Protein backbone atom coordinates (compact mmCIF):
# COMPACT_ATOMS: atom_id res chain seq x y z
CA MET A 1 103.73 130.58 77.62
CA ARG A 2 107.46 130.53 78.32
CA ARG A 3 106.92 131.88 81.83
CA VAL A 4 104.42 129.15 82.69
CA GLU A 5 106.86 126.50 81.48
CA THR A 6 109.68 128.04 83.55
CA GLU A 7 107.50 128.15 86.65
CA PHE A 8 106.38 124.57 86.05
CA ASN A 9 109.99 123.42 85.73
CA SER A 10 110.90 125.27 88.90
CA LEU A 11 107.99 123.67 90.72
CA GLU A 12 109.00 120.26 89.40
CA VAL A 13 112.54 120.74 90.77
CA LYS A 14 111.19 121.83 94.15
CA VAL A 15 108.84 118.84 94.35
CA SER A 16 111.70 116.53 93.43
CA GLN A 17 113.88 118.06 96.15
CA PHE A 18 111.03 117.71 98.64
CA VAL A 19 110.54 114.04 97.76
CA SER A 20 114.29 113.42 98.15
CA LEU A 21 114.25 115.14 101.53
CA CYS A 22 111.29 113.03 102.66
CA GLU A 23 113.03 109.84 101.57
CA ARG A 24 116.24 110.84 103.35
CA LEU A 25 114.35 111.74 106.54
CA ARG A 26 112.40 108.47 106.40
CA ALA A 27 115.64 106.48 106.12
CA GLU A 28 117.19 108.50 108.95
CA ASN A 29 114.10 107.88 111.06
CA VAL A 30 114.40 104.12 110.52
CA GLU A 31 118.06 104.24 111.49
CA LEU A 32 117.31 106.30 114.61
CA ARG A 33 114.57 103.87 115.64
CA GLN A 34 117.05 101.01 115.32
CA GLN A 35 119.64 102.90 117.36
CA LEU A 36 117.03 103.68 120.01
CA ALA A 37 115.98 100.04 120.23
CA ALA A 38 119.63 98.99 120.62
CA ALA A 39 120.22 101.64 123.29
CA ARG A 40 117.12 100.52 125.18
CA GLY A 41 118.35 96.92 125.03
CA ASP A 42 121.76 97.98 126.35
CA ALA A 43 120.14 99.99 129.15
CA LYS A 44 117.98 97.02 130.11
CA ARG A 45 121.00 94.69 130.24
CA LEU A 46 122.96 97.19 132.32
CA HIS A 47 120.04 97.63 134.70
CA GLU A 48 119.83 93.87 135.11
CA LYS A 49 123.57 93.71 135.85
CA ILE A 50 123.22 96.49 138.42
CA ASP A 51 120.31 94.66 140.06
CA GLY A 52 122.36 91.46 140.18
CA ALA A 53 125.36 93.23 141.68
CA LYS A 54 123.12 94.98 144.20
CA ALA A 55 121.57 91.65 145.27
CA ARG A 56 125.00 90.05 145.65
CA LEU A 57 126.27 93.01 147.66
CA GLU A 58 123.22 92.94 149.91
CA GLY A 59 123.79 89.20 150.41
CA LEU A 60 127.39 89.80 151.40
CA LEU A 61 126.45 92.65 153.74
CA SER A 62 123.82 90.52 155.44
CA ARG A 63 126.50 87.95 156.33
CA LEU A 64 128.75 90.48 158.03
CA PRO A 65 128.71 90.24 161.80
CA GLY A 66 126.67 93.03 163.26
């Protein structure tokens, strides 16, 4: 009977550790999704700035005497 109780307690500890790991990974996943969304927003803004600079440069080049 003692052995069954020891095994049960061991299993309970392992399940508790597993649940803690899942919770930690879930929180990390949320944080990573937020970071990814922010990085995508930054990339989009930078791309828009590059497009704007490219258009201005092309406008300036078109006015140069050929």
